[in-house]
Amino acid sequence: MSNSISYQQHLDARGLECPMPLLKTKLALKQLNPGEVLWVTATDAGSWRDIKKFTELTSHELLHASDEQDCYQYWIKKGA
């Protein structure tokens, strides 16, 4: 499924430790227009919890998340 999701921006947060993947995700989303998609890649295990919770508490939509070989990937659609 993840290969078929189109996105407007990619954020490479690999190698960054908590809370930087979440903070950089928030900043990247501010640059997008509502409805556009941000693809995030991260290696910090805490991002799995943080980004999911962030999207639950905001208008942004987590379209898909995957955990493959210690690389976490998220496709987030910017809300209004």
PDB file of N, CA and C in Angstrom:
ATOM      1  N   MET A   1       0.821  -1.197   0.000  1.00  0.00           N
ATOM      2  CA  MET A   1       0.000   0.000   0.000  1.00  0.00           C
ATOM      3  C   MET A   1       0.863   1.258   0.000  1.00  0.00           C
ATOM      4  N   SER A   2       1.912   1.270   0.815  1.00  0.00           N
ATOM      5  CA  SER A   2       2.714   2.484   0.968  1.00  0.00           C
ATOM      6  C   SER A   2       3.318   2.968  -0.345  1.00  0.00           C
ATOM      7  N   ASN A   3       3.628   2.061  -1.244  1.00  0.00           N
ATOM      8  CA  ASN A   3       4.230   2.466  -2.514  1.00  0.00           C
ATOM      9  C   ASN A   3       3.242   3.216  -3.405  1.00  0.00           C
ATOM     10  N   SER A   4       1.945   3.069  -3.135  1.00  0.00           N
ATOM     11  CA  SER A   4       0.947   3.706  -3.985  1.00  0.00           C
ATOM     12  C   SER A   4       0.448   5.038  -3.428  1.00  0.00           C
ATOM     13  N   ILE A   5       0.944   5.462  -2.276  1.00  0.00           N
ATOM     14  CA  ILE A   5       0.517   6.729  -1.690  1.00  0.00           C
ATOM     15  C   ILE A   5       1.362   7.858  -2.270  1.00  0.00           C
ATOM     16  N   SER A   6       0.690   8.817  -2.899  1.00  0.00           N
ATOM     17  CA  SER A   6       1.438   9.953  -3.421  1.00  0.00           C
ATOM     18  C   SER A   6       1.624  10.981  -2.303  1.00  0.00           C
ATOM     19  N   TYR A   7       2.700  11.734  -2.389  1.00  0.00           N
ATOM     20  CA  TYR A   7       3.018  12.715  -1.358  1.00  0.00           C
ATOM     21  C   TYR A   7       3.644  13.941  -1.999  1.00  0.00           C
ATOM     22  N   GLN A   8       3.563  15.059  -1.287  1.00  0.00           N
ATOM     23  CA  GLN A   8       4.112  16.304  -1.798  1.00  0.00           C
ATOM     24  C   GLN A   8       5.481  16.614  -1.199  1.00  0.00           C
ATOM     25  N   GLN A   9       5.759  16.083  -0.011  1.00  0.00           N
ATOM     26  CA  GLN A   9       7.045  16.367   0.641  1.00  0.00           C
ATOM     27  C   GLN A   9       7.503  15.157   1.437  1.00  0.00           C
ATOM     28  N   HIS A  10       8.823  14.936   1.470  1.00  0.00           N
ATOM     29  CA  HIS A  10       9.405  13.859   2.257  1.00  0.00           C
ATOM     30  C   HIS A  10      10.272  14.468   3.353  1.00  0.00           C
ATOM     31  N   LEU A  11      10.069  14.005   4.567  1.00  0.00           N
ATOM     32  CA  LEU A  11      10.893  14.411   5.702  1.00  0.00           C
ATOM     33  C   LEU A  11      11.728  13.213   6.126  1.00  0.00           C
ATOM     34  N   ASP A  12      13.036  13.329   6.011  1.00  0.00           N
ATOM     35  CA  ASP A  12      13.943  12.270   6.438  1.00  0.00           C
ATOM     36  C   ASP A  12      14.421  12.591   7.850  1.00  0.00           C
ATOM     37  N   ALA A  13      13.810  11.933   8.837  1.00  0.00           N
ATOM     38  CA  ALA A  13      14.158  12.156  10.237  1.00  0.00           C
ATOM     39  C   ALA A  13      14.965  10.976  10.795  1.00  0.00           C
ATOM     40  N   ARG A  14      15.537  10.181   9.905  1.00  0.00           N
ATOM     41  CA  ARG A  14      16.348   9.043  10.356  1.00  0.00           C
ATOM     42  C   ARG A  14      17.581   9.558  11.097  1.00  0.00           C
ATOM     43  N   GLY A  15      17.908   8.893  12.200  1.00  0.00           N
ATOM     44  CA  GLY A  15      19.068   9.273  12.989  1.00  0.00           C
ATOM     45  C   GLY A  15      18.768  10.313  14.052  1.00  0.00           C
ATOM     46  N   LEU A  16      17.586  10.901  14.019  1.00  0.00           N
ATOM     47  CA  LEU A  16      17.207  11.893  15.026  1.00  0.00           C
ATOM     48  C   LEU A  16      16.522  11.201  16.201  1.00  0.00           C
ATOM     49  N   GLU A  17      16.799  11.699  17.397  1.00  0.00           N
ATOM     50  CA  GLU A  17      16.203  11.108  18.593  1.00  0.00           C
ATOM     51  C   GLU A  17      15.033  11.955  19.073  1.00  0.00           C
ATOM     52  N   CYS A  18      14.160  11.314  19.835  1.00  0.00           N
ATOM     53  CA  CYS A  18      12.986  11.962  20.416  1.00  0.00           C
ATOM     54  C   CYS A  18      13.411  13.224  21.171  1.00  0.00           C
ATOM     55  N   PRO A  19      12.719  14.314  20.996  1.00  0.00           N
ATOM     56  CA  PRO A  19      11.448  14.534  20.303  1.00  0.00           C
ATOM     57  C   PRO A  19      11.601  15.117  18.898  1.00  0.00           C
ATOM     58  N   MET A  20      12.796  15.089  18.336  1.00  0.00           N
ATOM     59  CA  MET A  20      13.053  15.766  17.064  1.00  0.00           C
ATOM     60  C   MET A  20      12.208  15.262  15.884  1.00  0.00           C
ATOM     61  N   PRO A  21      11.967  13.947  15.716  1.00  0.00           N
ATOM     62  CA  PRO A  21      11.126  13.539  14.585  1.00  0.00           C
ATOM     63  C   PRO A  21       9.735  14.183  14.637  1.00  0.00           C
ATOM     64  N   LEU A  22       9.145  14.247  15.818  1.00  0.00           N
ATOM     65  CA  LEU A  22       7.825  14.865  15.940  1.00  0.00           C
ATOM     66  C   LEU A  22       7.895  16.371  15.695  1.00  0.00           C
ATOM     67  N   LEU A  23       8.879  17.033  16.253  1.00  0.00           N
ATOM     68  CA  LEU A  23       9.001  18.481  16.065  1.00  0.00           C
ATOM     69  C   LEU A  23       9.213  18.832  14.599  1.00  0.00           C
ATOM     70  N   LYS A  24      10.069  18.074  13.917  1.00  0.00           N
ATOM     71  CA  LYS A  24      10.317  18.334  12.497  1.00  0.00           C
ATOM     72  C   LYS A  24       9.084  18.003  11.649  1.00  0.00           C
ATOM     73  N   THR A  25       8.313  17.006  12.072  1.00  0.00           N
ATOM     74  CA  THR A  25       7.066  16.680  11.384  1.00  0.00           C
ATOM     75  C   THR A  25       6.091  17.850  11.481  1.00  0.00           C
ATOM     76  N   LYS A  26       5.955  18.416  12.674  1.00  0.00           N
ATOM     77  CA  LYS A  26       5.069  19.562  12.864  1.00  0.00           C
ATOM     78  C   LYS A  26       5.489  20.738  11.979  1.00  0.00           C
ATOM     79  N   LEU A  27       6.787  21.017  11.930  1.00  0.00           N
ATOM     80  CA  LEU A  27       7.286  22.118  11.106  1.00  0.00           C
ATOM     81  C   LEU A  27       7.049  21.861   9.616  1.00  0.00           C
ATOM     82  N   ALA A  28       7.273  20.632   9.188  1.00  0.00           N
ATOM     83  CA  ALA A  28       7.083  20.293   7.776  1.00  0.00           C
ATOM     84  C   ALA A  28       5.613  20.418   7.380  1.00  0.00           C
ATOM     85  N   LEU A  29       4.707  20.009   8.269  1.00  0.00           N
ATOM     86  CA  LEU A  29       3.283  20.111   7.960  1.00  0.00           C
ATOM     87  C   LEU A  29       2.844  21.560   7.799  1.00  0.00           C
ATOM     88  N   LYS A  30       3.473  22.469   8.524  1.00  0.00           N
ATOM     89  CA  LYS A  30       3.131  23.890   8.408  1.00  0.00           C
ATOM     90  C   LYS A  30       3.426  24.427   7.007  1.00  0.00           C
ATOM     91  N   GLN A  31       4.366  23.803   6.316  1.00  0.00           N
ATOM     92  CA  GLN A  31       4.755  24.247   4.972  1.00  0.00           C
ATOM     93  C   GLN A  31       3.802  23.749   3.888  1.00  0.00           C
ATOM     94  N   LEU A  32       2.956  22.779   4.231  1.00  0.00           N
ATOM     95  CA  LEU A  32       2.062  22.183   3.244  1.00  0.00           C
ATOM     96  C   LEU A  32       0.699  22.866   3.248  1.00  0.00           C
ATOM     97  N   ASN A  33      -0.021  22.697   2.156  1.00  0.00           N
ATOM     98  CA  ASN A  33      -1.397  23.160   2.060  1.00  0.00           C
ATOM     99  C   ASN A  33      -2.324  22.071   2.573  1.00  0.00           C
ATOM    100  N   PRO A  34      -3.510  22.422   3.082  1.00  0.00           N
ATOM    101  CA  PRO A  34      -4.460  21.400   3.526  1.00  0.00           C
ATOM    102  C   PRO A  34      -4.723  20.385   2.416  1.00  0.00           C
ATOM    103  N   GLY A  35      -4.739  19.119   2.798  1.00  0.00           N
ATOM    104  CA  GLY A  35      -4.972  18.037   1.839  1.00  0.00           C
ATOM    105  C   GLY A  35      -3.711  17.442   1.255  1.00  0.00           C
ATOM    106  N   GLU A  36      -2.573  18.137   1.394  1.00  0.00           N
ATOM    107  CA  GLU A  36      -1.320  17.591   0.880  1.00  0.00           C
ATOM    108  C   GLU A  36      -0.758  16.566   1.871  1.00  0.00           C
ATOM    109  N   VAL A  37       0.110  15.698   1.359  1.00  0.00           N
ATOM    110  CA  VAL A  37       0.615  14.574   2.149  1.00  0.00           C
ATOM    111  C   VAL A  37       2.112  14.711   2.410  1.00  0.00           C
ATOM    112  N   LEU A  38       2.479  14.461   3.653  1.00  0.00           N
ATOM    113  CA  LEU A  38       3.878  14.433   4.088  1.00  0.00           C
ATOM    114  C   LEU A  38       4.264  12.990   4.348  1.00  0.00           C
ATOM    115  N   TRP A  39       5.386  12.559   3.758  1.00  0.00           N
ATOM    116  CA  TRP A  39       5.924  11.226   4.015  1.00  0.00           C
ATOM    117  C   TRP A  39       7.113  11.411   4.952  1.00  0.00           C
ATOM    118  N   VAL A  40       7.057  10.750   6.101  1.00  0.00           N
ATOM    119  CA  VAL A  40       8.105  10.858   7.119  1.00  0.00           C
ATOM    120  C   VAL A  40       8.790   9.503   7.277  1.00  0.00           C
ATOM    121  N   THR A  41      10.126   9.518   7.297  1.00  0.00           N
ATOM    122  CA  THR A  41      10.881   8.319   7.648  1.00  0.00           C
ATOM    123  C   THR A  41      11.691   8.637   8.891  1.00  0.00           C
ATOM    124  N   ALA A  42      11.699   7.712   9.852  1.00  0.00           N
ATOM    125  CA  ALA A  42      12.391   7.929  11.121  1.00  0.00           C
ATOM    126  C   ALA A  42      12.933   6.604  11.638  1.00  0.00           C
ATOM    127  N   THR A  43      13.953   6.685  12.481  1.00  0.00           N
ATOM    128  CA  THR A  43      14.515   5.491  13.101  1.00  0.00           C
ATOM    129  C   THR A  43      14.273   5.467  14.615  1.00  0.00           C
ATOM    130  N   ASP A  44      13.764   6.544  15.161  1.00  0.00           N
ATOM    131  CA  ASP A  44      13.498   6.610  16.597  1.00  0.00           C
ATOM    132  C   ASP A  44      12.204   5.860  16.918  1.00  0.00           C
ATOM    133  N   ALA A  45      12.291   4.852  17.783  1.00  0.00           N
ATOM    134  CA  ALA A  45      11.124   4.040  18.128  1.00  0.00           C
ATOM    135  C   ALA A  45      10.020   4.867  18.782  1.00  0.00           C
ATOM    136  N   GLY A  46      10.377   5.928  19.478  1.00  0.00           N
ATOM    137  CA  GLY A  46       9.384   6.780  20.110  1.00  0.00           C
ATOM    138  C   GLY A  46       8.480   7.476  19.123  1.00  0.00           C
ATOM    139  N   SER A  47       8.944   7.626  17.885  1.00  0.00           N
ATOM    140  CA  SER A  47       8.120   8.285  16.864  1.00  0.00           C
ATOM    141  C   SER A  47       6.861   7.472  16.579  1.00  0.00           C
ATOM    142  N   TRP A  48       6.932   6.161  16.750  1.00  0.00           N
ATOM    143  CA  TRP A  48       5.782   5.292  16.489  1.00  0.00           C
ATOM    144  C   TRP A  48       4.602   5.709  17.367  1.00  0.00           C
ATOM    145  N   ARG A  49       4.872   5.981  18.607  1.00  0.00           N
ATOM    146  CA  ARG A  49       3.843   6.415  19.544  1.00  0.00           C
ATOM    147  C   ARG A  49       3.512   7.895  19.336  1.00  0.00           C
ATOM    148  N   ASP A  50       4.547   8.724  19.243  1.00  0.00           N
ATOM    149  CA  ASP A  50       4.365  10.172  19.204  1.00  0.00           C
ATOM    150  C   ASP A  50       3.575  10.654  17.985  1.00  0.00           C
ATOM    151  N   ILE A  51       3.934  10.172  16.818  1.00  0.00           N
ATOM    152  CA  ILE A  51       3.281  10.659  15.602  1.00  0.00           C
ATOM    153  C   ILE A  51       1.840  10.170  15.522  1.00  0.00           C
ATOM    154  N   LYS A  52       1.594   8.934  15.949  1.00  0.00           N
ATOM    155  CA  LYS A  52       0.213   8.436  15.959  1.00  0.00           C
ATOM    156  C   LYS A  52      -0.647   9.267  16.908  1.00  0.00           C
ATOM    157  N   LYS A  53      -0.138   9.542  18.092  1.00  0.00           N
ATOM    158  CA  LYS A  53      -0.889  10.332  19.069  1.00  0.00           C
ATOM    159  C   LYS A  53      -1.101  11.758  18.565  1.00  0.00           C
ATOM    160  N   PHE A  54      -0.077  12.339  17.956  1.00  0.00           N
ATOM    161  CA  PHE A  54      -0.173  13.687  17.396  1.00  0.00           C
ATOM    162  C   PHE A  54      -1.308  13.781  16.388  1.00  0.00           C
ATOM    163  N   THR A  55      -1.408  12.814  15.487  1.00  0.00           N
ATOM    164  CA  THR A  55      -2.459  12.871  14.469  1.00  0.00           C
ATOM    165  C   THR A  55      -3.837  12.644  15.085  1.00  0.00           C
ATOM    166  N   GLU A  56      -3.923  11.878  16.158  1.00  0.00           N
ATOM    167  CA  GLU A  56      -5.206  11.682  16.838  1.00  0.00           C
ATOM    168  C   GLU A  56      -5.695  12.978  17.475  1.00  0.00           C
ATOM    169  N   LEU A  57      -4.766  13.817  17.933  1.00  0.00           N
ATOM    170  CA  LEU A  57      -5.116  15.034  18.661  1.00  0.00           C
ATOM    171  C   LEU A  57      -5.239  16.273  17.777  1.00  0.00           C
ATOM    172  N   THR A  58      -4.983  16.124  16.484  1.00  0.00           N
ATOM    173  CA  THR A  58      -5.017  17.268  15.560  1.00  0.00           C
ATOM    174  C   THR A  58      -5.955  16.960  14.398  1.00  0.00           C
ATOM    175  N   SER A  59      -6.044  17.887  13.476  1.00  0.00           N
ATOM    176  CA  SER A  59      -6.893  17.681  12.297  1.00  0.00           C
ATOM    177  C   SER A  59      -6.171  16.901  11.196  1.00  0.00           C
ATOM    178  N   HIS A  60      -4.909  16.562  11.419  1.00  0.00           N
ATOM    179  CA  HIS A  60      -4.146  15.816  10.416  1.00  0.00           C
ATOM    180  C   HIS A  60      -4.564  14.340  10.446  1.00  0.00           C
ATOM    181  N   GLU A  61      -4.447  13.689   9.283  1.00  0.00           N
ATOM    182  CA  GLU A  61      -4.866  12.293   9.163  1.00  0.00           C
ATOM    183  C   GLU A  61      -3.668  11.396   8.852  1.00  0.00           C
ATOM    184  N   LEU A  62      -3.478  10.381   9.673  1.00  0.00           N
ATOM    185  CA  LEU A  62      -2.431   9.398   9.419  1.00  0.00           C
ATOM    186  C   LEU A  62      -2.989   8.400   8.407  1.00  0.00           C
ATOM    187  N   LEU A  63      -2.531   8.517   7.169  1.00  0.00           N
ATOM    188  CA  LEU A  63      -3.036   7.661   6.096  1.00  0.00           C
ATOM    189  C   LEU A  63      -2.502   6.240   6.211  1.00  0.00           C
ATOM    190  N   HIS A  64      -1.240   6.130   6.580  1.00  0.00           N
ATOM    191  CA  HIS A  64      -0.599   4.816   6.677  1.00  0.00           C
ATOM    192  C   HIS A  64       0.669   4.937   7.519  1.00  0.00           C
ATOM    193  N   ALA A  65       0.963   3.892   8.267  1.00  0.00           N
ATOM    194  CA  ALA A  65       2.213   3.831   9.029  1.00  0.00           C
ATOM    195  C   ALA A  65       2.783   2.427   8.886  1.00  0.00           C
ATOM    196  N   SER A  66       4.102   2.345   8.771  1.00  0.00           N
ATOM    197  CA  SER A  66       4.733   1.026   8.681  1.00  0.00           C
ATOM    198  C   SER A  66       6.036   1.022   9.475  1.00  0.00           C
ATOM    199  N   ASP A  67       6.390  -0.169   9.914  1.00  0.00           N
ATOM    200  CA  ASP A  67       7.623  -0.393  10.677  1.00  0.00           C
ATOM    201  C   ASP A  67       8.352  -1.534   9.996  1.00  0.00           C
ATOM    202  N   GLU A  68       9.378  -1.190   9.225  1.00  0.00           N
ATOM    203  CA  GLU A  68      10.125  -2.207   8.488  1.00  0.00           C
ATOM    204  C   GLU A  68      11.608  -2.078   8.789  1.00  0.00           C
ATOM    205  N   GLN A  69      12.168  -3.106   9.400  1.00  0.00           N
ATOM    206  CA  GLN A  69      13.599  -3.165   9.690  1.00  0.00           C
ATOM    207  C   GLN A  69      14.079  -1.912  10.420  1.00  0.00           C
ATOM    208  N   ASP A  70      13.381  -1.562  11.507  1.00  0.00           N
ATOM    209  CA  ASP A  70      13.723  -0.416  12.358  1.00  0.00           C
ATOM    210  C   ASP A  70      13.670   0.925  11.634  1.00  0.00           C
ATOM    211  N   CYS A  71      12.928   0.992  10.542  1.00  0.00           N
ATOM    212  CA  CYS A  71      12.665   2.265   9.869  1.00  0.00           C
ATOM    213  C   CYS A  71      11.155   2.473   9.880  1.00  0.00           C
ATOM    214  N   TYR A  72      10.749   3.519  10.554  1.00  0.00           N
ATOM    215  CA  TYR A  72       9.336   3.828  10.693  1.00  0.00           C
ATOM    216  C   TYR A  72       8.956   4.823   9.601  1.00  0.00           C
ATOM    217  N   GLN A  73       7.815   4.563   8.955  1.00  0.00           N
ATOM    218  CA  GLN A  73       7.368   5.430   7.877  1.00  0.00           C
ATOM    219  C   GLN A  73       5.930   5.844   8.133  1.00  0.00           C
ATOM    220  N   TYR A  74       5.649   7.108   7.844  1.00  0.00           N
ATOM    221  CA  TYR A  74       4.326   7.667   8.075  1.00  0.00           C
ATOM    222  C   TYR A  74       3.925   8.520   6.875  1.00  0.00           C
ATOM    223  N   TRP A  75       2.661   8.386   6.479  1.00  0.00           N
ATOM    224  CA  TRP A  75       2.095   9.246   5.460  1.00  0.00           C
ATOM    225  C   TRP A  75       0.988  10.035   6.155  1.00  0.00           C
ATOM    226  N   ILE A  76       1.171  11.339   6.250  1.00  0.00           N
ATOM    227  CA  ILE A  76       0.255  12.187   7.007  1.00  0.00           C
ATOM    228  C   ILE A  76      -0.372  13.207   6.059  1.00  0.00           C
ATOM    229  N   LYS A  77      -1.692  13.229   6.043  1.00  0.00           N
ATOM    230  CA  LYS A  77      -2.434  14.201   5.229  1.00  0.00           C
ATOM    231  C   LYS A  77      -2.735  15.413   6.094  1.00  0.00           C
ATOM    232  N   LYS A  78      -2.322  16.571   5.628  1.00  0.00           N
ATOM    233  CA  LYS A  78      -2.522  17.792   6.398  1.00  0.00           C
ATOM    234  C   LYS A  78      -4.006  18.145   6.462  1.00  0.00           C
ATOM    235  N   GLY A  79      -4.457  18.438   7.680  1.00  0.00           N
ATOM    236  CA  GLY A  79      -5.845  18.835   7.890  1.00  0.00           C
ATOM    237  C   GLY A  79      -6.031  20.316   7.633  1.00  0.00           C
ATOM    238  N   ALA A  80      -7.258  20.745   7.810  1.00  0.00           N
ATOM    239  CA  ALA A  80      -7.602  22.155   7.578  1.00  0.00           C
ATOM    240  C   ALA A  80      -6.969  23.077   8.615  1.00  0.00           C
TER     241      ALA A  80
END
